[in-house]
Amino acid sequence: MTLARLGANLFAMPINLPVPRNVESVSGEVDISTLSAQGRPVVLRGGVSDWPLVKAGGGLPAYLRQFESTQPVSAFVGAPGMKGRFFYGEDLKGFNFERIRLSLSDLLDRLAVKGPDYLYAGAIPAPSHLPGLAEANPPPLLDPSVERLTSLWLGNRTRTAAHWDLAQNLACVVAGRRRFILFPPDQVSNLYIGPLENTLAGQPVSLVDFAEPDLELHPRFEQAMANALVADLEPGDVLYIPSLWFHHVESLDDFGALVNFWWRDGPEWMVTPLFTLYHALLTIRDLPAAERESWRAFFDHYIFRTGGDPMAHLPVEAQGLMGPVTPQSLARIKSLLMGPLSR
């Protein structure tokens, strides 16, 4: 089965696979807090078309070189047989590509040569590797005071497996066309996620080959596609991706560049909830089914607050660790966790 294409914006899906709906496009004044509250992807057509990065066009490599620092860039290199899909080896332990380090100029030179290999450099940190680039190309929508990570992505015709990111994301296409296929978090069981701790680049990824999906091996992928959204982006377009939305990314041209901005809402002291999932492997997963369901009720009550504030019946000074977080309570929570884990 193949995901054959009819033009740049239309999928001809394999038989029995639904065609994904287009991500909503918006224009004019957009409020980032409203987008966050709505919790679904949105495309801002031409949202960064006035960036010098976008206006550079074919002169983009020269434009990038003026910001280059001495920091080497990490990149993936794959042989022609992997067809642009950076992925695991057959045993799901190794990988089908090599990791290399080179200067930004060398990376740009290699990308300028249309060779047989696939080359991809993801999440190049702008502040350390391209100082001044973010200031010359400020993020759309975000207030300058918002703490964020700014990264540059460079490559040729490559595919990134569907994965989620903890942070919210503004993905700004600078050069080349990109196709994003997105899935809401509740499709996690239909995307056949690989190992949580052995990953290609930090986040767990879907094992489904989107170019040749095997529905005998991954039958629930059909349900995932029934809930999918697609965004075909041109240089200057921006895609807002909410936290935890899965996204498969394909670069459709011989040279592609993208800048993204990651940020999180919430208190500074919060760490990734993935740690909670790991911790639950020790505390909840292997309990008898009835006990697991009982703990679900506790989590719904105390953490997800499905019935409102679980401590509302107590004065604040008596709420203990369940009350407002203070430096003292945060230290106490960490101490309670570290004790059993260090045994």
C-alpha atoms as a PDB file:
ATOM      1  CA  MET A   1       0.000   0.000   0.000  1.00  0.00           C
ATOM      2  CA  THR A   2       1.221   3.506  -0.748  1.00  0.00           C
ATOM      3  CA  LEU A   3       0.203   7.038   0.071  1.00  0.00           C
ATOM      4  CA  ALA A   4       0.174   8.185  -3.545  1.00  0.00           C
ATOM      5  CA  ARG A   5      -0.181  11.931  -4.111  1.00  0.00           C
ATOM      6  CA  LEU A   6      -2.446  13.849  -6.461  1.00  0.00           C
ATOM      7  CA  GLY A   7      -0.793  17.260  -6.575  1.00  0.00           C
ATOM      8  CA  ALA A   8       0.653  19.184  -3.663  1.00  0.00           C
ATOM      9  CA  ASN A   9      -2.473  19.456  -1.524  1.00  0.00           C
ATOM     10  CA  LEU A  10      -4.473  16.271  -2.058  1.00  0.00           C
ATOM     11  CA  PHE A  11      -3.968  12.723  -0.810  1.00  0.00           C
ATOM     12  CA  ALA A  12      -5.066   9.656  -2.726  1.00  0.00           C
ATOM     13  CA  MET A  13      -5.147   7.285   0.222  1.00  0.00           C
ATOM     14  CA  PRO A  14      -4.835   3.492   0.019  1.00  0.00           C
ATOM     15  CA  ILE A  15      -8.120   1.646  -0.090  1.00  0.00           C
ATOM     16  CA  ASN A  16      -9.819   1.509   3.333  1.00  0.00           C
ATOM     17  CA  LEU A  17      -7.786   4.467   4.655  1.00  0.00           C
ATOM     18  CA  PRO A  18      -9.667   7.748   5.150  1.00  0.00           C
ATOM     19  CA  VAL A  19      -8.395  11.002   3.627  1.00  0.00           C
ATOM     20  CA  PRO A  20      -7.300  13.352   6.424  1.00  0.00           C
ATOM     21  CA  ARG A  21      -9.079  16.671   6.826  1.00  0.00           C
ATOM     22  CA  ASN A  22      -7.161  19.910   6.256  1.00  0.00           C
ATOM     23  CA  VAL A  23      -5.958  21.850   9.251  1.00  0.00           C
ATOM     24  CA  GLU A  24      -7.954  25.050   9.654  1.00  0.00           C
ATOM     25  CA  SER A  25      -6.268  28.148   8.222  1.00  0.00           C
ATOM     26  CA  VAL A  26      -6.647  31.546   9.855  1.00  0.00           C
ATOM     27  CA  SER A  27      -5.588  35.069   8.927  1.00  0.00           C
ATOM     28  CA  GLY A  28      -5.557  38.474  10.525  1.00  0.00           C
ATOM     29  CA  GLU A  29      -5.244  39.033  14.266  1.00  0.00           C
ATOM     30  CA  VAL A  30      -4.740  35.782  16.171  1.00  0.00           C
ATOM     31  CA  ASP A  31      -4.349  35.482  19.932  1.00  0.00           C
ATOM     32  CA  ILE A  32      -1.965  32.753  21.068  1.00  0.00           C
ATOM     33  CA  SER A  33      -3.817  32.241  24.354  1.00  0.00           C
ATOM     34  CA  THR A  34      -6.994  31.542  22.374  1.00  0.00           C
ATOM     35  CA  LEU A  35      -5.179  28.979  20.237  1.00  0.00           C
ATOM     36  CA  SER A  36      -3.776  27.315  23.357  1.00  0.00           C
ATOM     37  CA  ALA A  37      -7.206  27.166  24.960  1.00  0.00           C
ATOM     38  CA  GLN A  38      -8.769  25.652  21.823  1.00  0.00           C
ATOM     39  CA  GLY A  39      -6.084  22.956  21.781  1.00  0.00           C
ATOM     40  CA  ARG A  40      -6.100  22.136  18.076  1.00  0.00           C
ATOM     41  CA  PRO A  41      -3.646  22.802  15.212  1.00  0.00           C
ATOM     42  CA  VAL A  42      -4.042  25.953  13.126  1.00  0.00           C
ATOM     43  CA  VAL A  43      -2.221  27.209  10.011  1.00  0.00           C
ATOM     44  CA  LEU A  44      -1.304  30.881   9.652  1.00  0.00           C
ATOM     45  CA  ARG A  45      -0.825  31.353   5.923  1.00  0.00           C
ATOM     46  CA  GLY A  46       2.038  33.768   5.248  1.00  0.00           C
ATOM     47  CA  GLY A  47       2.538  34.269   8.985  1.00  0.00           C
ATOM     48  CA  VAL A  48       6.301  34.840   8.588  1.00  0.00           C
ATOM     49  CA  SER A  49       6.453  35.797   4.907  1.00  0.00           C
ATOM     50  CA  ASP A  50       8.119  39.079   5.905  1.00  0.00           C
ATOM     51  CA  TRP A  51      11.042  37.343   7.625  1.00  0.00           C
ATOM     52  CA  PRO A  52      14.478  37.966   6.102  1.00  0.00           C
ATOM     53  CA  LEU A  53      14.911  34.181   6.306  1.00  0.00           C
ATOM     54  CA  VAL A  54      11.982  33.671   3.934  1.00  0.00           C
ATOM     55  CA  LYS A  55      12.800  36.598   1.676  1.00  0.00           C
ATOM     56  CA  ALA A  56      16.340  35.248   1.229  1.00  0.00           C
ATOM     57  CA  GLY A  57      14.937  32.560  -1.096  1.00  0.00           C
ATOM     58  CA  GLY A  58      17.766  30.851  -2.955  1.00  0.00           C
ATOM     59  CA  GLY A  59      20.237  32.992  -1.006  1.00  0.00           C
ATOM     60  CA  LEU A  60      19.247  31.336   2.282  1.00  0.00           C
ATOM     61  CA  PRO A  61      22.556  29.451   2.776  1.00  0.00           C
ATOM     62  CA  ALA A  62      24.504  32.709   2.495  1.00  0.00           C
ATOM     63  CA  TYR A  63      22.053  34.414   4.864  1.00  0.00           C
ATOM     64  CA  LEU A  64      22.487  31.641   7.456  1.00  0.00           C
ATOM     65  CA  ARG A  65      26.270  31.703   7.231  1.00  0.00           C
ATOM     66  CA  GLN A  66      26.429  35.278   8.500  1.00  0.00           C
ATOM     67  CA  PHE A  67      25.067  34.034  11.855  1.00  0.00           C
ATOM     68  CA  GLU A  68      27.216  30.885  12.086  1.00  0.00           C
ATOM     69  CA  SER A  69      29.121  30.267  15.320  1.00  0.00           C
ATOM     70  CA  THR A  70      31.924  27.778  15.927  1.00  0.00           C
ATOM     71  CA  GLN A  71      29.536  25.220  17.423  1.00  0.00           C
ATOM     72  CA  PRO A  72      29.298  21.993  15.367  1.00  0.00           C
ATOM     73  CA  VAL A  73      25.922  20.754  14.162  1.00  0.00           C
ATOM     74  CA  SER A  74      24.555  17.250  14.795  1.00  0.00           C
ATOM     75  CA  ALA A  75      22.964  15.570  11.782  1.00  0.00           C
ATOM     76  CA  PHE A  76      21.554  12.233  10.583  1.00  0.00           C
ATOM     77  CA  VAL A  77      22.793  10.645   7.361  1.00  0.00           C
ATOM     78  CA  GLY A  78      20.892   7.814   5.675  1.00  0.00           C
ATOM     79  CA  ALA A  79      21.698   5.723   2.613  1.00  0.00           C
ATOM     80  CA  PRO A  80      19.405   5.731  -0.456  1.00  0.00           C
ATOM     81  CA  GLY A  81      17.696   2.477   0.541  1.00  0.00           C
ATOM     82  CA  MET A  82      16.012   4.045   3.573  1.00  0.00           C
ATOM     83  CA  LYS A  83      13.940   6.285   1.263  1.00  0.00           C
ATOM     84  CA  GLY A  84      14.234   9.337   3.463  1.00  0.00           C
ATOM     85  CA  ARG A  85      12.591   7.669   6.463  1.00  0.00           C
ATOM     86  CA  PHE A  86      14.834   8.001   9.514  1.00  0.00           C
ATOM     87  CA  PHE A  87      13.882   5.035  11.661  1.00  0.00           C
ATOM     88  CA  TYR A  88      14.960   2.007  13.678  1.00  0.00           C
ATOM     89  CA  GLY A  89      16.862  -1.000  12.453  1.00  0.00           C
ATOM     90  CA  GLU A  90      15.030  -4.312  12.212  1.00  0.00           C
ATOM     91  CA  ASP A  91      15.544  -5.153  15.907  1.00  0.00           C
ATOM     92  CA  LEU A  92      14.176  -1.764  17.115  1.00  0.00           C
ATOM     93  CA  LYS A  93      17.438  -1.278  19.021  1.00  0.00           C
ATOM     94  CA  GLY A  94      19.732   0.170  16.379  1.00  0.00           C
ATOM     95  CA  PHE A  95      18.886   2.704  13.679  1.00  0.00           C
ATOM     96  CA  ASN A  96      18.946   2.933   9.880  1.00  0.00           C
ATOM     97  CA  PHE A  97      21.118   6.060   9.841  1.00  0.00           C
ATOM     98  CA  GLU A  98      24.401   7.427  11.142  1.00  0.00           C
ATOM     99  CA  ARG A  99      24.910  10.421  13.402  1.00  0.00           C
ATOM    100  CA  ILE A 100      27.609  12.877  12.379  1.00  0.00           C
ATOM    101  CA  ARG A 101      28.883  16.247  13.552  1.00  0.00           C
ATOM    102  CA  LEU A 102      29.974  18.968  11.158  1.00  0.00           C
ATOM    103  CA  SER A 103      30.011  22.728  10.807  1.00  0.00           C
ATOM    104  CA  LEU A 104      26.891  24.546   9.633  1.00  0.00           C
ATOM    105  CA  SER A 105      28.741  25.618   6.472  1.00  0.00           C
ATOM    106  CA  ASP A 106      29.707  22.016   5.698  1.00  0.00           C
ATOM    107  CA  LEU A 107      26.099  20.948   6.251  1.00  0.00           C
ATOM    108  CA  LEU A 108      24.843  23.603   3.839  1.00  0.00           C
ATOM    109  CA  ASP A 109      27.467  22.597   1.270  1.00  0.00           C
ATOM    110  CA  ARG A 110      26.404  18.949   1.470  1.00  0.00           C
ATOM    111  CA  LEU A 111      22.743  19.872   1.113  1.00  0.00           C
ATOM    112  CA  ALA A 112      23.550  21.908  -2.003  1.00  0.00           C
ATOM    113  CA  VAL A 113      24.757  18.728  -3.722  1.00  0.00           C
ATOM    114  CA  LYS A 114      21.875  16.524  -4.869  1.00  0.00           C
ATOM    115  CA  GLY A 115      23.544  13.278  -3.902  1.00  0.00           C
ATOM    116  CA  PRO A 116      21.966   9.899  -3.195  1.00  0.00           C
ATOM    117  CA  ASP A 117      22.122  10.189   0.602  1.00  0.00           C
ATOM    118  CA  TYR A 118      19.479  11.641   2.883  1.00  0.00           C
ATOM    119  CA  LEU A 119      20.649  14.353   5.272  1.00  0.00           C
ATOM    120  CA  TYR A 120      18.754  15.856   8.176  1.00  0.00           C
ATOM    121  CA  ALA A 121      19.760  18.178  11.001  1.00  0.00           C
ATOM    122  CA  GLY A 122      17.012  18.707  13.554  1.00  0.00           C
ATOM    123  CA  ALA A 123      16.603  21.156  16.412  1.00  0.00           C
ATOM    124  CA  ILE A 124      19.799  23.159  15.828  1.00  0.00           C
ATOM    125  CA  PRO A 125      19.685  25.566  18.795  1.00  0.00           C
ATOM    126  CA  ALA A 126      19.625  29.088  17.409  1.00  0.00           C
ATOM    127  CA  PRO A 127      21.048  30.981  20.424  1.00  0.00           C
ATOM    128  CA  SER A 128      24.280  28.943  20.534  1.00  0.00           C
ATOM    129  CA  HIS A 129      24.716  27.979  16.874  1.00  0.00           C
ATOM    130  CA  LEU A 130      23.228  31.013  15.089  1.00  0.00           C
ATOM    131  CA  PRO A 131      23.386  33.935  17.531  1.00  0.00           C
ATOM    132  CA  GLY A 132      21.292  36.855  16.338  1.00  0.00           C
ATOM    133  CA  LEU A 133      19.119  34.794  13.976  1.00  0.00           C
ATOM    134  CA  ALA A 134      16.088  34.732  16.272  1.00  0.00           C
ATOM    135  CA  GLU A 135      16.319  38.454  16.918  1.00  0.00           C
ATOM    136  CA  ALA A 136      16.372  39.163  13.174  1.00  0.00           C
ATOM    137  CA  ASN A 137      13.401  36.828  12.657  1.00  0.00           C
ATOM    138  CA  PRO A 138      11.162  37.254  15.724  1.00  0.00           C
ATOM    139  CA  PRO A 139       8.458  34.688  16.497  1.00  0.00           C
ATOM    140  CA  PRO A 140       4.910  35.390  15.393  1.00  0.00           C
ATOM    141  CA  LEU A 141       2.196  35.671  18.052  1.00  0.00           C
ATOM    142  CA  LEU A 142       4.459  35.082  21.061  1.00  0.00           C
ATOM    143  CA  ASP A 143       5.167  37.884  23.499  1.00  0.00           C
ATOM    144  CA  PRO A 144       8.937  38.604  23.591  1.00  0.00           C
ATOM    145  CA  SER A 145       8.926  37.891  27.331  1.00  0.00           C
ATOM    146  CA  VAL A 146       7.776  34.271  26.850  1.00  0.00           C
ATOM    147  CA  GLU A 147      10.599  31.843  27.586  1.00  0.00           C
ATOM    148  CA  ARG A 148      11.075  29.629  24.538  1.00  0.00           C
ATOM    149  CA  LEU A 149      13.453  27.385  22.642  1.00  0.00           C
ATOM    150  CA  THR A 150      14.250  28.509  19.092  1.00  0.00           C
ATOM    151  CA  SER A 151      15.590  25.868  16.697  1.00  0.00           C
ATOM    152  CA  LEU A 152      16.511  25.520  13.034  1.00  0.00           C
ATOM    153  CA  TRP A 153      15.795  22.370  10.999  1.00  0.00           C
ATOM    154  CA  LEU A 154      17.611  21.651   7.724  1.00  0.00           C
ATOM    155  CA  GLY A 155      17.457  18.714   5.331  1.00  0.00           C
ATOM    156  CA  ASN A 156      16.591  17.312   1.937  1.00  0.00           C
ATOM    157  CA  ARG A 157      13.662  15.011   1.046  1.00  0.00           C
ATOM    158  CA  THR A 158      13.311  13.380   4.449  1.00  0.00           C
ATOM    159  CA  ARG A 159      10.524  11.982   6.615  1.00  0.00           C
ATOM    160  CA  THR A 160      10.223  12.273  10.390  1.00  0.00           C
ATOM    161  CA  ALA A 161       8.148   9.564  12.083  1.00  0.00           C
ATOM    162  CA  ALA A 162       4.998  10.634  13.900  1.00  0.00           C
ATOM    163  CA  HIS A 163       5.861  11.746  17.445  1.00  0.00           C
ATOM    164  CA  TRP A 164       4.657  14.118  20.141  1.00  0.00           C
ATOM    165  CA  ASP A 165       6.396  17.023  21.855  1.00  0.00           C
ATOM    166  CA  LEU A 166       5.804  18.163  25.400  1.00  0.00           C
ATOM    167  CA  ALA A 167       5.873  21.842  24.488  1.00  0.00           C
ATOM    168  CA  GLN A 168       3.561  23.868  22.292  1.00  0.00           C
ATOM    169  CA  ASN A 169       5.103  24.612  18.920  1.00  0.00           C
ATOM    170  CA  LEU A 170       5.076  27.270  16.230  1.00  0.00           C
ATOM    171  CA  ALA A 171       6.621  25.615  13.157  1.00  0.00           C
ATOM    172  CA  CYS A 172       7.627  28.258  10.602  1.00  0.00           C
ATOM    173  CA  VAL A 173       8.522  27.039   7.107  1.00  0.00           C
ATOM    174  CA  VAL A 174      11.452  28.972   5.670  1.00  0.00           C
ATOM    175  CA  ALA A 175      12.364  27.056   2.513  1.00  0.00           C
ATOM    176  CA  GLY A 176      10.850  24.114   0.646  1.00  0.00           C
ATOM    177  CA  ARG A 177       7.387  22.640   1.083  1.00  0.00           C
ATOM    178  CA  ARG A 178       6.451  20.569   4.134  1.00  0.00           C
ATOM    179  CA  ARG A 179       3.600  18.228   4.855  1.00  0.00           C
ATOM    180  CA  PHE A 180       2.440  17.626   8.419  1.00  0.00           C
ATOM    181  CA  ILE A 181      -0.012  14.850   9.283  1.00  0.00           C
ATOM    182  CA  LEU A 182      -1.325  15.410  12.795  1.00  0.00           C
ATOM    183  CA  PHE A 183      -3.242  13.311  15.309  1.00  0.00           C
ATOM    184  CA  PRO A 184      -4.829  14.267  18.646  1.00  0.00           C
ATOM    185  CA  PRO A 185      -3.288  12.680  21.758  1.00  0.00           C
ATOM    186  CA  ASP A 186      -6.171  10.225  22.142  1.00  0.00           C
ATOM    187  CA  GLN A 187      -4.883   8.379  19.044  1.00  0.00           C
ATOM    188  CA  VAL A 188      -1.841   7.090  20.941  1.00  0.00           C
ATOM    189  CA  SER A 189      -3.222   3.524  20.959  1.00  0.00           C
ATOM    190  CA  ASN A 190      -3.790   3.580  17.169  1.00  0.00           C
ATOM    191  CA  LEU A 191      -0.317   4.775  16.169  1.00  0.00           C
ATOM    192  CA  TYR A 192       1.731   1.824  17.462  1.00  0.00           C
ATOM    193  CA  ILE A 193       4.331   3.797  19.402  1.00  0.00           C
ATOM    194  CA  GLY A 194       7.834   2.338  19.680  1.00  0.00           C
ATOM    195  CA  PRO A 195      10.059   2.055  22.752  1.00  0.00           C
ATOM    196  CA  LEU A 196       9.660   4.919  25.231  1.00  0.00           C
ATOM    197  CA  GLU A 197      13.293   5.061  26.303  1.00  0.00           C
ATOM    198  CA  ASN A 198      15.176   4.053  23.123  1.00  0.00           C
ATOM    199  CA  THR A 199      14.281   6.804  20.675  1.00  0.00           C
ATOM    200  CA  LEU A 200      15.622   8.349  17.486  1.00  0.00           C
ATOM    201  CA  ALA A 201      15.871  11.887  18.828  1.00  0.00           C
ATOM    202  CA  GLY A 202      14.278  12.119  22.267  1.00  0.00           C
ATOM    203  CA  GLN A 203      10.585  11.381  21.786  1.00  0.00           C
ATOM    204  CA  PRO A 204       8.892   8.012  21.172  1.00  0.00           C
ATOM    205  CA  VAL A 205       7.742   7.579  17.558  1.00  0.00           C
ATOM    206  CA  SER A 206       5.098   5.674  15.613  1.00  0.00           C
ATOM    207  CA  LEU A 207       6.263   2.423  14.026  1.00  0.00           C
ATOM    208  CA  VAL A 208       3.897   2.873  11.068  1.00  0.00           C
ATOM    209  CA  ASP A 209       5.529   3.667   7.721  1.00  0.00           C
ATOM    210  CA  PHE A 210       3.213   6.379   6.423  1.00  0.00           C
ATOM    211  CA  ALA A 211       4.406   5.867   2.834  1.00  0.00           C
ATOM    212  CA  GLU A 212       3.679   2.135   2.924  1.00  0.00           C
ATOM    213  CA  PRO A 213       1.393   1.382   5.891  1.00  0.00           C
ATOM    214  CA  ASP A 214       1.000  -2.314   6.674  1.00  0.00           C
ATOM    215  CA  LEU A 215      -2.592  -2.653   7.858  1.00  0.00           C
ATOM    216  CA  GLU A 216      -2.131  -6.312   8.693  1.00  0.00           C
ATOM    217  CA  LEU A 217       0.628  -5.440  11.122  1.00  0.00           C
ATOM    218  CA  HIS A 218      -0.931  -2.119  12.232  1.00  0.00           C
ATOM    219  CA  PRO A 219      -4.711  -2.475  11.682  1.00  0.00           C
ATOM    220  CA  ARG A 220      -5.729   0.337  14.058  1.00  0.00           C
ATOM    221  CA  PHE A 221      -3.824   2.850  11.922  1.00  0.00           C
ATOM    222  CA  GLU A 222      -7.019   3.106   9.881  1.00  0.00           C
ATOM    223  CA  GLN A 223      -8.754   4.541  12.962  1.00  0.00           C
ATOM    224  CA  ALA A 224      -5.885   6.978  13.458  1.00  0.00           C
ATOM    225  CA  MET A 225      -6.232   8.247   9.893  1.00  0.00           C
ATOM    226  CA  ALA A 226      -9.967   8.769  10.442  1.00  0.00           C
ATOM    227  CA  ASN A 227      -8.951  11.316  13.097  1.00  0.00           C
ATOM    228  CA  ALA A 228      -5.976  12.815  11.226  1.00  0.00           C
ATOM    229  CA  LEU A 229      -5.432  16.352   9.989  1.00  0.00           C
ATOM    230  CA  VAL A 230      -3.068  17.364   7.182  1.00  0.00           C
ATOM    231  CA  ALA A 231      -1.268  20.654   6.581  1.00  0.00           C
ATOM    232  CA  ASP A 232       0.628  21.346   3.356  1.00  0.00           C
ATOM    233  CA  LEU A 233       2.858  24.344   3.990  1.00  0.00           C
ATOM    234  CA  GLU A 234       4.758  26.750   1.738  1.00  0.00           C
ATOM    235  CA  PRO A 235       7.641  29.038   2.736  1.00  0.00           C
ATOM    236  CA  GLY A 236       6.278  31.755   5.013  1.00  0.00           C
ATOM    237  CA  ASP A 237       3.494  29.567   6.461  1.00  0.00           C
ATOM    238  CA  VAL A 238       3.236  28.818  10.184  1.00  0.00           C
ATOM    239  CA  LEU A 239       1.689  25.790  11.876  1.00  0.00           C
ATOM    240  CA  TYR A 240       0.619  25.936  15.524  1.00  0.00           C
ATOM    241  CA  ILE A 241       0.902  22.467  17.130  1.00  0.00           C
ATOM    242  CA  PRO A 242      -0.607  22.014  20.611  1.00  0.00           C
ATOM    243  CA  SER A 243       1.231  20.054  23.288  1.00  0.00           C
ATOM    244  CA  LEU A 244       1.159  16.253  22.844  1.00  0.00           C
ATOM    245  CA  TRP A 245      -0.344  16.290  19.325  1.00  0.00           C
ATOM    246  CA  PHE A 246       1.375  13.652  17.208  1.00  0.00           C
ATOM    247  CA  HIS A 247       2.859  14.926  13.971  1.00  0.00           C
ATOM    248  CA  HIS A 248       4.487  13.169  11.020  1.00  0.00           C
ATOM    249  CA  VAL A 249       6.631  15.557   8.958  1.00  0.00           C
ATOM    250  CA  GLU A 250       7.755  15.207   5.358  1.00  0.00           C
ATOM    251  CA  SER A 251      10.001  17.583   3.455  1.00  0.00           C
ATOM    252  CA  LEU A 252       8.783  17.601  -0.154  1.00  0.00           C
ATOM    253  CA  ASP A 253      11.735  19.332  -1.869  1.00  0.00           C
ATOM    254  CA  ASP A 254      15.470  18.831  -2.297  1.00  0.00           C
ATOM    255  CA  PHE A 255      16.209  21.548   0.246  1.00  0.00           C
ATOM    256  CA  GLY A 256      14.044  22.384   3.224  1.00  0.00           C
ATOM    257  CA  ALA A 257      14.420  24.701   6.193  1.00  0.00           C
ATOM    258  CA  LEU A 258      12.143  25.352   9.144  1.00  0.00           C
ATOM    259  CA  VAL A 259      12.391  27.390  12.341  1.00  0.00           C
ATOM    260  CA  ASN A 260      10.342  26.361  15.318  1.00  0.00           C
ATOM    261  CA  PHE A 261       9.565  27.893  18.695  1.00  0.00           C
ATOM    262  CA  TRP A 262       8.802  25.635  21.665  1.00  0.00           C
ATOM    263  CA  TRP A 263       7.297  26.938  24.886  1.00  0.00           C
ATOM    264  CA  ARG A 264       5.265  25.672  27.834  1.00  0.00           C
ATOM    265  CA  ASP A 265       2.503  27.254  29.870  1.00  0.00           C
ATOM    266  CA  GLY A 266       2.487  26.573  33.582  1.00  0.00           C
ATOM    267  CA  PRO A 267       4.768  27.031  36.601  1.00  0.00           C
ATOM    268  CA  GLU A 268       8.538  26.994  36.073  1.00  0.00           C
ATOM    269  CA  TRP A 269       9.024  24.155  38.553  1.00  0.00           C
ATOM    270  CA  MET A 270       7.027  21.640  36.484  1.00  0.00           C
ATOM    271  CA  VAL A 271       8.912  18.811  34.761  1.00  0.00           C
ATOM    272  CA  THR A 272       7.666  16.413  32.089  1.00  0.00           C
ATOM    273  CA  PRO A 273       4.683  14.230  33.084  1.00  0.00           C
ATOM    274  CA  LEU A 274       6.496  11.418  31.280  1.00  0.00           C
ATOM    275  CA  PHE A 275       8.332  10.925  34.587  1.00  0.00           C
ATOM    276  CA  THR A 276       4.960  10.187  36.172  1.00  0.00           C
ATOM    277  CA  LEU A 277       4.344   7.523  33.555  1.00  0.00           C
ATOM    278  CA  TYR A 278       7.739   5.953  34.287  1.00  0.00           C
ATOM    279  CA  HIS A 279       7.023   6.084  38.023  1.00  0.00           C
ATOM    280  CA  ALA A 280       3.651   4.403  37.455  1.00  0.00           C
ATOM    281  CA  LEU A 281       5.501   1.416  36.001  1.00  0.00           C
ATOM    282  CA  LEU A 282       6.754   0.804  39.547  1.00  0.00           C
ATOM    283  CA  THR A 283       3.568   1.659  41.383  1.00  0.00           C
ATOM    284  CA  ILE A 284       0.422   1.026  39.323  1.00  0.00           C
ATOM    285  CA  ARG A 285       0.765  -0.853  36.024  1.00  0.00           C
ATOM    286  CA  ASP A 286       1.082  -4.390  37.426  1.00  0.00           C
ATOM    287  CA  LEU A 287      -1.507  -4.116  40.193  1.00  0.00           C
ATOM    288  CA  PRO A 288      -4.626  -6.287  39.948  1.00  0.00           C
ATOM    289  CA  ALA A 289      -7.199  -4.735  37.607  1.00  0.00           C
ATOM    290  CA  ALA A 290      -9.582  -3.809  40.419  1.00  0.00           C
ATOM    291  CA  GLU A 291      -6.842  -1.944  42.289  1.00  0.00           C
ATOM    292  CA  ARG A 292      -5.779  -0.094  39.143  1.00  0.00           C
ATOM    293  CA  GLU A 293      -9.350   1.107  38.694  1.00  0.00           C
ATOM    294  CA  SER A 294      -9.432   2.258  42.320  1.00  0.00           C
ATOM    295  CA  TRP A 295      -6.277   4.293  41.778  1.00  0.00           C
ATOM    296  CA  ARG A 296      -7.844   5.784  38.655  1.00  0.00           C
ATOM    297  CA  ALA A 297     -10.525   7.242  40.940  1.00  0.00           C
ATOM    298  CA  PHE A 298      -7.855   8.751  43.185  1.00  0.00           C
ATOM    299  CA  PHE A 299      -6.029  10.319  40.254  1.00  0.00           C
ATOM    300  CA  ASP A 300      -9.286  11.668  38.828  1.00  0.00           C
ATOM    301  CA  HIS A 301     -10.060  13.232  42.191  1.00  0.00           C
ATOM    302  CA  TYR A 302      -6.690  14.611  43.285  1.00  0.00           C
ATOM    303  CA  ILE A 303      -4.801  15.254  40.038  1.00  0.00           C
ATOM    304  CA  PHE A 304      -7.339  15.700  37.226  1.00  0.00           C
ATOM    305  CA  ARG A 305      -9.813  17.339  39.629  1.00  0.00           C
ATOM    306  CA  THR A 306     -12.858  16.017  37.815  1.00  0.00           C
ATOM    307  CA  GLY A 307     -15.033  16.998  40.781  1.00  0.00           C
ATOM    308  CA  GLY A 308     -13.440  20.390  41.393  1.00  0.00           C
ATOM    309  CA  ASP A 309     -10.852  21.369  43.988  1.00  0.00           C
ATOM    310  CA  PRO A 310     -10.275  18.246  46.131  1.00  0.00           C
ATOM    311  CA  MET A 311      -8.973  20.349  49.014  1.00  0.00           C
ATOM    312  CA  ALA A 312     -11.711  22.978  49.051  1.00  0.00           C
ATOM    313  CA  HIS A 313     -13.109  21.595  52.319  1.00  0.00           C
ATOM    314  CA  LEU A 314      -9.823  22.309  54.132  1.00  0.00           C
ATOM    315  CA  PRO A 315      -8.246  25.619  55.102  1.00  0.00           C
ATOM    316  CA  VAL A 316      -5.170  26.409  53.011  1.00  0.00           C
ATOM    317  CA  GLU A 317      -2.825  26.000  55.975  1.00  0.00           C
ATOM    318  CA  ALA A 318      -4.087  22.428  56.472  1.00  0.00           C
ATOM    319  CA  GLN A 319      -3.859  21.272  52.846  1.00  0.00           C
ATOM    320  CA  GLY A 320      -0.244  20.131  53.129  1.00  0.00           C
ATOM    321  CA  LEU A 321       1.386  18.887  49.932  1.00  0.00           C
ATOM    322  CA  MET A 322      -1.935  19.106  48.085  1.00  0.00           C
ATOM    323  CA  GLY A 323      -2.103  22.847  48.690  1.00  0.00           C
ATOM    324  CA  PRO A 324      -0.401  25.644  46.733  1.00  0.00           C
ATOM    325  CA  VAL A 325       3.185  24.763  45.821  1.00  0.00           C
ATOM    326  CA  THR A 326       5.877  26.542  47.818  1.00  0.00           C
ATOM    327  CA  PRO A 327       9.671  26.042  47.794  1.00  0.00           C
ATOM    328  CA  GLN A 328       9.269  24.049  50.998  1.00  0.00           C
ATOM    329  CA  SER A 329       6.490  21.785  49.706  1.00  0.00           C
ATOM    330  CA  LEU A 330       8.343  21.265  46.408  1.00  0.00           C
ATOM    331  CA  ALA A 331      11.447  20.135  48.298  1.00  0.00           C
ATOM    332  CA  ARG A 332       9.318  17.815  50.430  1.00  0.00           C
ATOM    333  CA  ILE A 333       7.674  16.213  47.376  1.00  0.00           C
ATOM    334  CA  LYS A 334      11.085  15.572  45.805  1.00  0.00           C
ATOM    335  CA  SER A 335      12.345  14.071  49.057  1.00  0.00           C
ATOM    336  CA  LEU A 336       9.354  11.727  49.297  1.00  0.00           C
ATOM    337  CA  LEU A 337       9.972  10.549  45.730  1.00  0.00           C
ATOM    338  CA  MET A 338      13.738  10.179  45.948  1.00  0.00           C
ATOM    339  CA  GLY A 339      13.725   8.101  49.107  1.00  0.00           C
ATOM    340  CA  PRO A 340      12.058   4.949  47.729  1.00  0.00           C
ATOM    341  CA  LEU A 341      13.621   5.375  44.280  1.00  0.00           C
ATOM    342  CA  SER A 342      17.157   5.435  45.685  1.00  0.00           C
ATOM    343  CA  ARG A 343      16.832   2.064  47.465  1.00  0.00           C
END
